[in-house]
Amino acid sequence: MASAIPTRALKASLVLAFFVGGCAAAPEPPASAATAFAPYSLPGAGGAGVQALQRPARTAPLRYRVIVVPGSGCAGMGPLADRYFAGLLHAEVLVLHKPGVDPGARTAAGACPADFVQADRLSAWRDHARAALRADARLRQAQGLPTIPQLLVGISEGAELLPALAPEVPGLAGLVLSSGSGLDPREAGALQAQRLGAAADWEALGRLQAGLQPDSTLAQGRSLGYWRDLWHWPLARPLREGPWPVLQVWGANDALVPVEAFRRGAGQAQGRQAPWCARELPGADHGLQGPGGDGVQQLWAWLEQWGRAPLQGLCAPLSR
């Protein structure tokens, strides 16, 4: 059994808050409501299964496909998928889930089962998602499905995987970071810890992950394996040097990722060869919800505009 490292409870919860932010909140339909999403099982790495959800375009003609990598936690996107992705009218939508996550689960982030906590780390999720996307591409080719532009959308933590997954997506037209800072997660985490007055706890966690405790050791609600991946996870440079257009959207009132992190991530991308466009939504939270309305649906509206004229570029709708 993994041992837990004692920490001051208040500070631990503040630091952990940065990592448990998942998908944007959306009004949930009743549990019995019909859904346009169907289960879609794909093979992950090492024989594991990746449970996905897939939905055809809501409105003809089909113009593009969106592949979604959700945020952290162990809740599925099934209960909110129809409303969350409602604005993607002309897009087929594929939503991946980490192994061990039931797409219909409503489990709170702090209540994930022990086996999920032990298995949850960025490198494992990357390997499973890569395998799933390869299988998806092979299946589409075998079925003779037409080649259409595809977008990779990362929500919060999910954005950290996008550069590693990009080579597995045929016809990739761009990456979309929804509440993803674009910084290496260690840097973004340090900025959040400083904002919350938990810098000492963050530094202690850094020393702990660099020590000799086994990966299974628990600290701040995660395994040391998770923290070790995060501490060395490259994101800023792969995004900056990548050949794909990037669209980045965040809320100005995000409580889980500091606005400074988003602005710094977008700033570091200046001068890259491929386009990078960024939009800060005034008053919006981590889920892009705010007094100005539902920022998720605004993001989809921009993608719909792009889908009508993709040759103008992913960033064109934000310049109008």
C-alpha atoms as a PDB file:
ATOM      1  CA  MET A   1       0.000   0.000   0.000  1.00  0.00           C
ATOM      2  CA  ALA A   2       1.263   3.474  -0.847  1.00  0.00           C
ATOM      3  CA  SER A   3       2.217   5.659   2.071  1.00  0.00           C
ATOM      4  CA  ALA A   4       0.880   9.178   2.434  1.00  0.00           C
ATOM      5  CA  ILE A   5       3.180  12.100   3.092  1.00  0.00           C
ATOM      6  CA  PRO A   6       1.770  14.394   5.794  1.00  0.00           C
ATOM      7  CA  THR A   7       1.223  17.975   4.664  1.00  0.00           C
ATOM      8  CA  ARG A   8      -0.565  20.972   6.081  1.00  0.00           C
ATOM      9  CA  ALA A   9      -4.149  20.363   4.998  1.00  0.00           C
ATOM     10  CA  LEU A  10      -5.032  23.911   3.982  1.00  0.00           C
ATOM     11  CA  LYS A  11      -1.953  24.494   1.881  1.00  0.00           C
ATOM     12  CA  ALA A  12      -2.219  21.045   0.348  1.00  0.00           C
ATOM     13  CA  SER A  13      -5.745  21.740  -0.806  1.00  0.00           C
ATOM     14  CA  LEU A  14      -4.706  25.061  -2.322  1.00  0.00           C
ATOM     15  CA  VAL A  15      -1.897  23.532  -4.330  1.00  0.00           C
ATOM     16  CA  LEU A  16      -4.064  20.602  -5.395  1.00  0.00           C
ATOM     17  CA  ALA A  17      -6.710  23.019  -6.678  1.00  0.00           C
ATOM     18  CA  PHE A  18      -4.471  23.759  -9.646  1.00  0.00           C
ATOM     19  CA  PHE A  19      -4.575  20.151 -10.761  1.00  0.00           C
ATOM     20  CA  VAL A  20      -8.168  19.101 -10.238  1.00  0.00           C
ATOM     21  CA  GLY A  21      -9.701  21.605 -12.610  1.00  0.00           C
ATOM     22  CA  GLY A  22     -11.253  19.664 -15.426  1.00  0.00           C
ATOM     23  CA  CYS A  23     -13.877  20.549 -17.965  1.00  0.00           C
ATOM     24  CA  ALA A  24     -16.009  23.630 -18.049  1.00  0.00           C
ATOM     25  CA  ALA A  25     -19.163  23.496 -16.006  1.00  0.00           C
ATOM     26  CA  ALA A  26     -22.324  23.160 -18.057  1.00  0.00           C
ATOM     27  CA  PRO A  27     -25.944  22.611 -17.113  1.00  0.00           C
ATOM     28  CA  GLU A  28     -26.392  18.872 -16.883  1.00  0.00           C
ATOM     29  CA  PRO A  29     -29.386  17.157 -18.450  1.00  0.00           C
ATOM     30  CA  PRO A  30     -31.340  14.577 -16.469  1.00  0.00           C
ATOM     31  CA  ALA A  31     -29.539  11.250 -16.162  1.00  0.00           C
ATOM     32  CA  SER A  32     -32.137   9.593 -18.394  1.00  0.00           C
ATOM     33  CA  ALA A  33     -31.917  12.152 -21.210  1.00  0.00           C
ATOM     34  CA  ALA A  34     -31.150  10.802 -24.666  1.00  0.00           C
ATOM     35  CA  THR A  35     -27.733  11.624 -26.071  1.00  0.00           C
ATOM     36  CA  ALA A  36     -26.334  12.010 -29.545  1.00  0.00           C
ATOM     37  CA  PHE A  37     -23.011  10.582 -28.339  1.00  0.00           C
ATOM     38  CA  ALA A  38     -22.332   6.880 -28.715  1.00  0.00           C
ATOM     39  CA  PRO A  39     -19.682   4.775 -26.922  1.00  0.00           C
ATOM     40  CA  TYR A  40     -16.548   4.200 -28.978  1.00  0.00           C
ATOM     41  CA  SER A  41     -13.965   1.807 -27.531  1.00  0.00           C
ATOM     42  CA  LEU A  42     -10.350   2.100 -28.634  1.00  0.00           C
ATOM     43  CA  PRO A  43      -7.225   0.189 -27.599  1.00  0.00           C
ATOM     44  CA  GLY A  44      -4.774   1.975 -25.342  1.00  0.00           C
ATOM     45  CA  ALA A  45      -1.172   1.072 -24.599  1.00  0.00           C
ATOM     46  CA  GLY A  46      -0.349  -2.372 -23.252  1.00  0.00           C
ATOM     47  CA  GLY A  47      -3.780  -3.810 -23.867  1.00  0.00           C
ATOM     48  CA  ALA A  48      -5.647  -1.228 -21.812  1.00  0.00           C
ATOM     49  CA  GLY A  49      -8.895   0.138 -23.148  1.00  0.00           C
ATOM     50  CA  VAL A  50      -9.714   3.785 -23.850  1.00  0.00           C
ATOM     51  CA  GLN A  51     -13.404   4.544 -23.535  1.00  0.00           C
ATOM     52  CA  ALA A  52     -14.432   7.329 -25.864  1.00  0.00           C
ATOM     53  CA  LEU A  53     -17.592   9.053 -26.983  1.00  0.00           C
ATOM     54  CA  GLN A  54     -18.343   9.949 -30.579  1.00  0.00           C
ATOM     55  CA  ARG A  55     -21.010  12.080 -32.184  1.00  0.00           C
ATOM     56  CA  PRO A  56     -21.707  12.839 -35.856  1.00  0.00           C
ATOM     57  CA  ALA A  57     -22.132  16.381 -37.097  1.00  0.00           C
ATOM     58  CA  ARG A  58     -25.397  17.886 -35.868  1.00  0.00           C
ATOM     59  CA  THR A  59     -25.970  19.758 -39.121  1.00  0.00           C
ATOM     60  CA  ALA A  60     -25.018  18.922 -42.693  1.00  0.00           C
ATOM     61  CA  PRO A  61     -22.603  19.253 -44.302  1.00  0.00           C
ATOM     62  CA  LEU A  62     -19.819  17.667 -42.285  1.00  0.00           C
ATOM     63  CA  ARG A  63     -16.904  20.108 -42.471  1.00  0.00           C
ATOM     64  CA  TYR A  64     -14.353  19.011 -39.875  1.00  0.00           C
ATOM     65  CA  ARG A  65     -13.680  16.730 -36.919  1.00  0.00           C
ATOM     66  CA  VAL A  66     -12.795  17.664 -33.344  1.00  0.00           C
ATOM     67  CA  ILE A  67     -10.806  15.303 -31.097  1.00  0.00           C
ATOM     68  CA  VAL A  68     -11.083  16.264 -27.426  1.00  0.00           C
ATOM     69  CA  VAL A  69      -8.617  15.493 -24.621  1.00  0.00           C
ATOM     70  CA  PRO A  70     -10.441  16.363 -21.379  1.00  0.00           C
ATOM     71  CA  GLY A  71      -8.995  17.754 -18.162  1.00  0.00           C
ATOM     72  CA  SER A  72      -7.979  16.040 -14.967  1.00  0.00           C
ATOM     73  CA  GLY A  73     -10.106  14.060 -12.547  1.00  0.00           C
ATOM     74  CA  CYS A  74     -12.046  10.846 -13.013  1.00  0.00           C
ATOM     75  CA  ALA A  75     -15.472  12.115 -14.045  1.00  0.00           C
ATOM     76  CA  GLY A  76     -16.597  11.392 -17.582  1.00  0.00           C
ATOM     77  CA  MET A  77     -17.920  13.913 -20.058  1.00  0.00           C
ATOM     78  CA  GLY A  78     -20.977  11.859 -20.937  1.00  0.00           C
ATOM     79  CA  PRO A  79     -23.464  13.613 -18.628  1.00  0.00           C
ATOM     80  CA  LEU A  80     -22.701  17.033 -20.091  1.00  0.00           C
ATOM     81  CA  ALA A  81     -21.438  16.184 -23.577  1.00  0.00           C
ATOM     82  CA  ASP A  82     -24.557  17.140 -25.550  1.00  0.00           C
ATOM     83  CA  ARG A  83     -24.801  20.611 -24.081  1.00  0.00           C
ATOM     84  CA  TYR A  84     -21.075  21.166 -23.806  1.00  0.00           C
ATOM     85  CA  PHE A  85     -20.434  20.438 -27.498  1.00  0.00           C
ATOM     86  CA  ALA A  86     -23.765  21.766 -28.796  1.00  0.00           C
ATOM     87  CA  GLY A  87     -22.155  24.610 -30.717  1.00  0.00           C
ATOM     88  CA  LEU A  88     -20.060  22.295 -32.882  1.00  0.00           C
ATOM     89  CA  LEU A  89     -22.741  22.026 -35.537  1.00  0.00           C
ATOM     90  CA  HIS A  90     -20.765  20.891 -38.590  1.00  0.00           C
ATOM     91  CA  ALA A  91     -18.174  18.843 -36.713  1.00  0.00           C
ATOM     92  CA  GLU A  92     -17.901  15.207 -35.848  1.00  0.00           C
ATOM     93  CA  VAL A  93     -16.729  15.035 -32.215  1.00  0.00           C
ATOM     94  CA  LEU A  94     -14.540  12.375 -30.570  1.00  0.00           C
ATOM     95  CA  VAL A  95     -13.970  12.633 -26.814  1.00  0.00           C
ATOM     96  CA  LEU A  96     -11.231  10.467 -25.282  1.00  0.00           C
ATOM     97  CA  HIS A  97     -11.212   9.338 -21.629  1.00  0.00           C
ATOM     98  CA  LYS A  98      -8.310   8.120 -19.542  1.00  0.00           C
ATOM     99  CA  PRO A  99      -8.257   4.360 -18.897  1.00  0.00           C
ATOM    100  CA  GLY A 100     -10.288   3.712 -15.780  1.00  0.00           C
ATOM    101  CA  VAL A 101     -12.678   6.598 -16.440  1.00  0.00           C
ATOM    102  CA  ASP A 102     -16.270   5.703 -17.257  1.00  0.00           C
ATOM    103  CA  PRO A 103     -17.615   8.333 -19.688  1.00  0.00           C
ATOM    104  CA  GLY A 104     -20.828   8.406 -17.653  1.00  0.00           C
ATOM    105  CA  ALA A 105     -19.185   8.790 -14.239  1.00  0.00           C
ATOM    106  CA  ARG A 106     -19.946  11.858 -12.122  1.00  0.00           C
ATOM    107  CA  THR A 107     -17.195  11.187  -9.572  1.00  0.00           C
ATOM    108  CA  ALA A 108     -15.886  14.270  -7.783  1.00  0.00           C
ATOM    109  CA  ALA A 109     -12.208  15.006  -8.383  1.00  0.00           C
ATOM    110  CA  GLY A 110     -11.320  14.421  -4.749  1.00  0.00           C
ATOM    111  CA  ALA A 111     -13.085  11.055  -4.676  1.00  0.00           C
ATOM    112  CA  CYS A 112     -11.218   9.202  -7.421  1.00  0.00           C
ATOM    113  CA  PRO A 113     -10.539   5.555  -6.524  1.00  0.00           C
ATOM    114  CA  ALA A 114      -7.082   4.542  -5.329  1.00  0.00           C
ATOM    115  CA  ASP A 115      -6.271   2.486  -8.423  1.00  0.00           C
ATOM    116  CA  PHE A 116      -7.022   5.452 -10.651  1.00  0.00           C
ATOM    117  CA  VAL A 117      -4.816   7.741  -8.554  1.00  0.00           C
ATOM    118  CA  GLN A 118      -1.935   5.273  -8.815  1.00  0.00           C
ATOM    119  CA  ALA A 119      -2.279   4.894 -12.585  1.00  0.00           C
ATOM    120  CA  ASP A 120      -2.850   8.566 -13.343  1.00  0.00           C
ATOM    121  CA  ARG A 121       0.228  10.285 -14.789  1.00  0.00           C
ATOM    122  CA  LEU A 122       0.889  12.310 -17.896  1.00  0.00           C
ATOM    123  CA  SER A 123       3.212   9.787 -19.544  1.00  0.00           C
ATOM    124  CA  ALA A 124       0.687   6.972 -19.184  1.00  0.00           C
ATOM    125  CA  TRP A 125      -2.165   9.107 -20.512  1.00  0.00           C
ATOM    126  CA  ARG A 126       0.007  10.199 -23.453  1.00  0.00           C
ATOM    127  CA  ASP A 127       0.836   6.588 -24.345  1.00  0.00           C
ATOM    128  CA  HIS A 128      -2.782   5.451 -24.106  1.00  0.00           C
ATOM    129  CA  ALA A 129      -4.054   8.405 -26.122  1.00  0.00           C
ATOM    130  CA  ARG A 130      -1.406   7.867 -28.805  1.00  0.00           C
ATOM    131  CA  ALA A 131      -2.396   4.220 -29.176  1.00  0.00           C
ATOM    132  CA  ALA A 132      -6.079   5.143 -29.302  1.00  0.00           C
ATOM    133  CA  LEU A 133      -5.564   7.790 -31.978  1.00  0.00           C
ATOM    134  CA  ARG A 134      -3.470   5.438 -34.094  1.00  0.00           C
ATOM    135  CA  ALA A 135      -6.228   2.838 -33.904  1.00  0.00           C
ATOM    136  CA  ASP A 136      -8.838   5.457 -34.741  1.00  0.00           C
ATOM    137  CA  ALA A 137      -6.889   6.558 -37.822  1.00  0.00           C
ATOM    138  CA  ARG A 138      -6.475   2.959 -39.002  1.00  0.00           C
ATOM    139  CA  LEU A 139     -10.160   2.267 -38.533  1.00  0.00           C
ATOM    140  CA  ARG A 140     -11.217   5.361 -40.457  1.00  0.00           C
ATOM    141  CA  GLN A 141      -8.871   4.439 -43.300  1.00  0.00           C
ATOM    142  CA  ALA A 142     -10.164   0.860 -43.382  1.00  0.00           C
ATOM    143  CA  GLN A 143     -13.738   2.156 -43.542  1.00  0.00           C
ATOM    144  CA  GLY A 144     -12.868   4.423 -46.428  1.00  0.00           C
ATOM    145  CA  LEU A 145     -14.061   7.530 -44.615  1.00  0.00           C
ATOM    146  CA  PRO A 146     -13.284  10.825 -46.352  1.00  0.00           C
ATOM    147  CA  THR A 147     -10.314  12.862 -45.223  1.00  0.00           C
ATOM    148  CA  ILE A 148     -11.474  16.014 -43.441  1.00  0.00           C
ATOM    149  CA  PRO A 149      -9.601  18.627 -41.390  1.00  0.00           C
ATOM    150  CA  GLN A 150      -9.170  17.586 -37.774  1.00  0.00           C
ATOM    151  CA  LEU A 151      -8.569  19.734 -34.691  1.00  0.00           C
ATOM    152  CA  LEU A 152      -7.080  18.583 -31.389  1.00  0.00           C
ATOM    153  CA  VAL A 153      -8.771  20.313 -28.446  1.00  0.00           C
ATOM    154  CA  GLY A 154      -7.179  20.100 -25.000  1.00  0.00           C
ATOM    155  CA  ILE A 155      -9.231  21.149 -21.982  1.00  0.00           C
ATOM    156  CA  SER A 156      -7.142  22.302 -19.009  1.00  0.00           C
ATOM    157  CA  GLU A 157      -4.739  19.419 -18.227  1.00  0.00           C
ATOM    158  CA  GLY A 158      -5.645  17.842 -21.552  1.00  0.00           C
ATOM    159  CA  ALA A 159      -3.852  20.660 -23.370  1.00  0.00           C
ATOM    160  CA  GLU A 160      -0.557  19.388 -21.961  1.00  0.00           C
ATOM    161  CA  LEU A 161      -0.756  16.311 -24.204  1.00  0.00           C
ATOM    162  CA  LEU A 162      -1.497  18.000 -27.507  1.00  0.00           C
ATOM    163  CA  PRO A 163       2.033  18.337 -28.996  1.00  0.00           C
ATOM    164  CA  ALA A 164       2.740  14.669 -28.236  1.00  0.00           C
ATOM    165  CA  LEU A 165      -0.525  13.573 -29.868  1.00  0.00           C
ATOM    166  CA  ALA A 166      -0.362  15.816 -32.923  1.00  0.00           C
ATOM    167  CA  PRO A 167       1.648  13.362 -35.103  1.00  0.00           C
ATOM    168  CA  GLU A 168      -1.083  10.731 -34.662  1.00  0.00           C
ATOM    169  CA  VAL A 169      -3.846  12.832 -36.249  1.00  0.00           C
ATOM    170  CA  PRO A 170      -4.088  12.717 -40.060  1.00  0.00           C
ATOM    171  CA  GLY A 171      -5.085  16.025 -41.610  1.00  0.00           C
ATOM    172  CA  LEU A 172      -4.374  17.934 -38.410  1.00  0.00           C
ATOM    173  CA  ALA A 173      -5.405  21.550 -38.951  1.00  0.00           C
ATOM    174  CA  GLY A 174      -4.478  22.958 -35.546  1.00  0.00           C
ATOM    175  CA  LEU A 175      -4.417  22.737 -31.780  1.00  0.00           C
ATOM    176  CA  VAL A 176      -6.939  24.398 -29.456  1.00  0.00           C
ATOM    177  CA  LEU A 177      -6.010  25.143 -25.838  1.00  0.00           C
ATOM    178  CA  SER A 178      -9.094  25.684 -23.682  1.00  0.00           C
ATOM    179  CA  SER A 179      -7.931  26.971 -20.267  1.00  0.00           C
ATOM    180  CA  GLY A 180      -4.442  25.617 -20.995  1.00  0.00           C
ATOM    181  CA  SER A 181      -1.600  27.984 -20.135  1.00  0.00           C
ATOM    182  CA  GLY A 182       0.862  26.796 -22.759  1.00  0.00           C
ATOM    183  CA  LEU A 183       3.614  26.798 -20.122  1.00  0.00           C
ATOM    184  CA  ASP A 184       5.412  23.759 -18.790  1.00  0.00           C
ATOM    185  CA  PRO A 185       3.044  22.567 -16.029  1.00  0.00           C
ATOM    186  CA  ARG A 186       5.757  22.925 -13.402  1.00  0.00           C
ATOM    187  CA  GLU A 187       6.048  26.643 -14.169  1.00  0.00           C
ATOM    188  CA  ALA A 188       2.302  27.163 -14.234  1.00  0.00           C
ATOM    189  CA  GLY A 189       1.951  25.258 -10.951  1.00  0.00           C
ATOM    190  CA  ALA A 190       4.598  27.424  -9.309  1.00  0.00           C
ATOM    191  CA  LEU A 191       2.763  30.579 -10.379  1.00  0.00           C
ATOM    192  CA  GLN A 192      -0.495  29.252  -8.917  1.00  0.00           C
ATOM    193  CA  ALA A 193       1.223  28.283  -5.664  1.00  0.00           C
ATOM    194  CA  GLN A 194       2.709  31.776  -5.383  1.00  0.00           C
ATOM    195  CA  ARG A 195      -0.674  33.358  -5.996  1.00  0.00           C
ATOM    196  CA  LEU A 196      -2.220  31.285  -3.215  1.00  0.00           C
ATOM    197  CA  GLY A 197       0.608  31.757  -0.732  1.00  0.00           C
ATOM    198  CA  ALA A 198       1.603  28.108  -0.995  1.00  0.00           C
ATOM    199  CA  ALA A 199       5.052  28.525  -2.545  1.00  0.00           C
ATOM    200  CA  ALA A 200       6.735  26.735   0.369  1.00  0.00           C
ATOM    201  CA  ASP A 201       4.496  23.711  -0.094  1.00  0.00           C
ATOM    202  CA  TRP A 202       5.220  23.680  -3.807  1.00  0.00           C
ATOM    203  CA  GLU A 203       8.944  23.762  -3.148  1.00  0.00           C
ATOM    204  CA  ALA A 204       8.583  20.953  -0.599  1.00  0.00           C
ATOM    205  CA  LEU A 205       6.707  18.913  -3.176  1.00  0.00           C
ATOM    206  CA  GLY A 206       9.535  19.523  -5.632  1.00  0.00           C
ATOM    207  CA  ARG A 207      12.067  18.181  -3.157  1.00  0.00           C
ATOM    208  CA  LEU A 208       9.880  15.185  -2.432  1.00  0.00           C
ATOM    209  CA  GLN A 209       9.444  14.196  -6.083  1.00  0.00           C
ATOM    210  CA  ALA A 210      13.205  14.461  -6.534  1.00  0.00           C
ATOM    211  CA  GLY A 211      13.824  12.076  -3.636  1.00  0.00           C
ATOM    212  CA  LEU A 212      13.989   8.316  -3.324  1.00  0.00           C
ATOM    213  CA  GLN A 213      10.396   7.542  -2.325  1.00  0.00           C
ATOM    214  CA  PRO A 214       8.693   5.104  -4.741  1.00  0.00           C
ATOM    215  CA  ASP A 215       6.334   6.394  -7.426  1.00  0.00           C
ATOM    216  CA  SER A 216       3.399   4.912  -5.525  1.00  0.00           C
ATOM    217  CA  THR A 217       3.895   7.269  -2.571  1.00  0.00           C
ATOM    218  CA  LEU A 218       1.018   9.706  -2.205  1.00  0.00           C
ATOM    219  CA  ALA A 219       1.532  13.438  -1.807  1.00  0.00           C
ATOM    220  CA  GLN A 220      -1.026  16.234  -2.198  1.00  0.00           C
ATOM    221  CA  GLY A 221      -3.621  13.746  -3.427  1.00  0.00           C
ATOM    222  CA  ARG A 222      -1.467  12.388  -6.264  1.00  0.00           C
ATOM    223  CA  SER A 223       1.207   9.754  -6.655  1.00  0.00           C
ATOM    224  CA  LEU A 224       4.839  10.770  -6.821  1.00  0.00           C
ATOM    225  CA  GLY A 225       4.820   9.211 -10.284  1.00  0.00           C
ATOM    226  CA  TYR A 226       2.299  11.856 -11.301  1.00  0.00           C
ATOM    227  CA  TRP A 227       4.375  14.664  -9.792  1.00  0.00           C
ATOM    228  CA  ARG A 228       7.592  13.385 -11.346  1.00  0.00           C
ATOM    229  CA  ASP A 229       6.022  13.409 -14.778  1.00  0.00           C
ATOM    230  CA  LEU A 230       4.649  16.888 -14.222  1.00  0.00           C
ATOM    231  CA  TRP A 231       7.945  18.277 -12.933  1.00  0.00           C
ATOM    232  CA  HIS A 232       9.746  17.313 -16.143  1.00  0.00           C
ATOM    233  CA  TRP A 233       6.920  17.614 -18.668  1.00  0.00           C
ATOM    234  CA  PRO A 234       7.867  19.719 -21.719  1.00  0.00           C
ATOM    235  CA  LEU A 235       5.067  21.798 -23.191  1.00  0.00           C
ATOM    236  CA  ALA A 236       6.156  25.375 -23.878  1.00  0.00           C
ATOM    237  CA  ARG A 237       8.986  24.497 -26.247  1.00  0.00           C
ATOM    238  CA  PRO A 238       7.080  21.839 -28.265  1.00  0.00           C
ATOM    239  CA  LEU A 239       4.213  24.294 -28.667  1.00  0.00           C
ATOM    240  CA  ARG A 240       6.532  27.127 -29.623  1.00  0.00           C
ATOM    241  CA  GLU A 241       8.438  25.047 -32.182  1.00  0.00           C
ATOM    242  CA  GLY A 242       5.518  23.034 -33.537  1.00  0.00           C
ATOM    243  CA  PRO A 243       4.267  23.442 -37.117  1.00  0.00           C
ATOM    244  CA  TRP A 244       0.554  23.649 -36.275  1.00  0.00           C
ATOM    245  CA  PRO A 245      -1.636  26.725 -35.814  1.00  0.00           C
ATOM    246  CA  VAL A 246      -2.658  27.205 -32.165  1.00  0.00           C
ATOM    247  CA  LEU A 247      -5.789  28.883 -30.800  1.00  0.00           C
ATOM    248  CA  GLN A 248      -5.687  29.562 -27.040  1.00  0.00           C
ATOM    249  CA  VAL A 249      -8.651  30.759 -24.941  1.00  0.00           C
ATOM    250  CA  TRP A 250      -8.847  31.409 -21.184  1.00  0.00           C
ATOM    251  CA  GLY A 251     -10.914  33.226 -18.595  1.00  0.00           C
ATOM    252  CA  ALA A 252      -9.656  36.372 -16.885  1.00  0.00           C
ATOM    253  CA  ASN A 253     -11.094  35.157 -13.547  1.00  0.00           C
ATOM    254  CA  ASP A 254      -9.653  31.643 -13.657  1.00  0.00           C
ATOM    255  CA  ALA A 255      -9.157  30.486 -10.062  1.00  0.00           C
ATOM    256  CA  LEU A 256      -7.072  27.431 -10.966  1.00  0.00           C
ATOM    257  CA  VAL A 257      -4.525  28.903 -13.372  1.00  0.00           C
ATOM    258  CA  PRO A 258      -3.219  32.465 -12.950  1.00  0.00           C
ATOM    259  CA  VAL A 259      -3.846  34.905 -15.765  1.00  0.00           C
ATOM    260  CA  GLU A 260      -0.106  35.600 -15.664  1.00  0.00           C
ATOM    261  CA  ALA A 261       0.516  31.993 -16.726  1.00  0.00           C
ATOM    262  CA  PHE A 262      -1.744  32.288 -19.765  1.00  0.00           C
ATOM    263  CA  ARG A 263      -0.264  35.598 -20.806  1.00  0.00           C
ATOM    264  CA  ARG A 264       3.256  34.315 -20.333  1.00  0.00           C
ATOM    265  CA  GLY A 265       2.504  31.192 -22.389  1.00  0.00           C
ATOM    266  CA  ALA A 266       1.051  33.250 -25.228  1.00  0.00           C
ATOM    267  CA  GLY A 267       3.950  35.693 -25.011  1.00  0.00           C
ATOM    268  CA  GLN A 268       6.554  32.960 -25.315  1.00  0.00           C
ATOM    269  CA  ALA A 269       4.914  31.836 -28.548  1.00  0.00           C
ATOM    270  CA  GLN A 270       5.416  35.177 -30.250  1.00  0.00           C
ATOM    271  CA  GLY A 271       7.569  34.842 -33.322  1.00  0.00           C
ATOM    272  CA  ARG A 272       6.812  31.172 -33.952  1.00  0.00           C
ATOM    273  CA  GLN A 273       6.495  30.246 -37.609  1.00  0.00           C
ATOM    274  CA  ALA A 274       2.953  28.899 -37.386  1.00  0.00           C
ATOM    275  CA  PRO A 275       0.112  31.198 -36.269  1.00  0.00           C
ATOM    276  CA  TRP A 276      -0.769  31.492 -32.576  1.00  0.00           C
ATOM    277  CA  CYS A 277      -3.839  33.465 -31.555  1.00  0.00           C
ATOM    278  CA  ALA A 278      -4.986  34.040 -27.988  1.00  0.00           C
ATOM    279  CA  ARG A 279      -8.161  35.426 -26.459  1.00  0.00           C
ATOM    280  CA  GLU A 280      -8.812  36.285 -22.819  1.00  0.00           C
ATOM    281  CA  LEU A 281     -12.508  36.258 -21.893  1.00  0.00           C
ATOM    282  CA  PRO A 282     -13.319  39.049 -19.391  1.00  0.00           C
ATOM    283  CA  GLY A 283     -14.832  37.790 -16.134  1.00  0.00           C
ATOM    284  CA  ALA A 284     -14.781  34.135 -17.206  1.00  0.00           C
ATOM    285  CA  ASP A 285     -13.668  31.322 -14.903  1.00  0.00           C
ATOM    286  CA  HIS A 286     -11.645  28.156 -15.529  1.00  0.00           C
ATOM    287  CA  GLY A 287     -14.623  26.652 -17.335  1.00  0.00           C
ATOM    288  CA  LEU A 288     -14.915  29.781 -19.533  1.00  0.00           C
ATOM    289  CA  GLN A 289     -18.192  30.721 -17.862  1.00  0.00           C
ATOM    290  CA  GLY A 290     -18.740  34.345 -16.951  1.00  0.00           C
ATOM    291  CA  PRO A 291     -20.991  37.400 -17.095  1.00  0.00           C
ATOM    292  CA  GLY A 292     -20.312  37.681 -20.807  1.00  0.00           C
ATOM    293  CA  GLY A 293     -21.943  34.302 -21.394  1.00  0.00           C
ATOM    294  CA  ASP A 294     -20.783  30.775 -22.127  1.00  0.00           C
ATOM    295  CA  GLY A 295     -17.217  31.045 -23.385  1.00  0.00           C
ATOM    296  CA  VAL A 296     -17.150  27.397 -24.440  1.00  0.00           C
ATOM    297  CA  GLN A 297     -19.918  28.034 -26.947  1.00  0.00           C
ATOM    298  CA  GLN A 298     -18.086  31.164 -28.102  1.00  0.00           C
ATOM    299  CA  LEU A 299     -15.013  29.027 -28.735  1.00  0.00           C
ATOM    300  CA  TRP A 300     -17.092  26.591 -30.761  1.00  0.00           C
ATOM    301  CA  ALA A 301     -18.581  29.486 -32.718  1.00  0.00           C
ATOM    302  CA  TRP A 302     -15.058  30.520 -33.738  1.00  0.00           C
ATOM    303  CA  LEU A 303     -14.321  26.954 -34.834  1.00  0.00           C
ATOM    304  CA  GLU A 304     -17.542  26.909 -36.840  1.00  0.00           C
ATOM    305  CA  GLN A 305     -16.502  30.122 -38.592  1.00  0.00           C
ATOM    306  CA  TRP A 306     -13.126  28.570 -39.353  1.00  0.00           C
ATOM    307  CA  GLY A 307     -14.823  25.399 -40.629  1.00  0.00           C
ATOM    308  CA  ARG A 308     -16.693  27.391 -43.276  1.00  0.00           C
ATOM    309  CA  ALA A 309     -13.436  28.811 -44.648  1.00  0.00           C
ATOM    310  CA  PRO A 310     -10.524  26.730 -43.329  1.00  0.00           C
ATOM    311  CA  LEU A 311      -8.051  28.084 -45.879  1.00  0.00           C
ATOM    312  CA  GLN A 312      -8.230  31.469 -44.137  1.00  0.00           C
ATOM    313  CA  GLY A 313      -6.561  29.906 -41.104  1.00  0.00           C
ATOM    314  CA  LEU A 314      -7.551  28.885 -37.583  1.00  0.00           C
ATOM    315  CA  CYS A 315      -6.922  32.375 -36.212  1.00  0.00           C
ATOM    316  CA  ALA A 316      -9.029  34.223 -38.792  1.00  0.00           C
ATOM    317  CA  PRO A 317     -12.263  34.258 -36.736  1.00  0.00           C
ATOM    318  CA  LEU A 318     -10.527  35.979 -33.821  1.00  0.00           C
ATOM    319  CA  SER A 319      -9.397  38.836 -36.038  1.00  0.00           C
ATOM    320  CA  ARG A 320     -12.909  39.740 -37.151  1.00  0.00           C
END
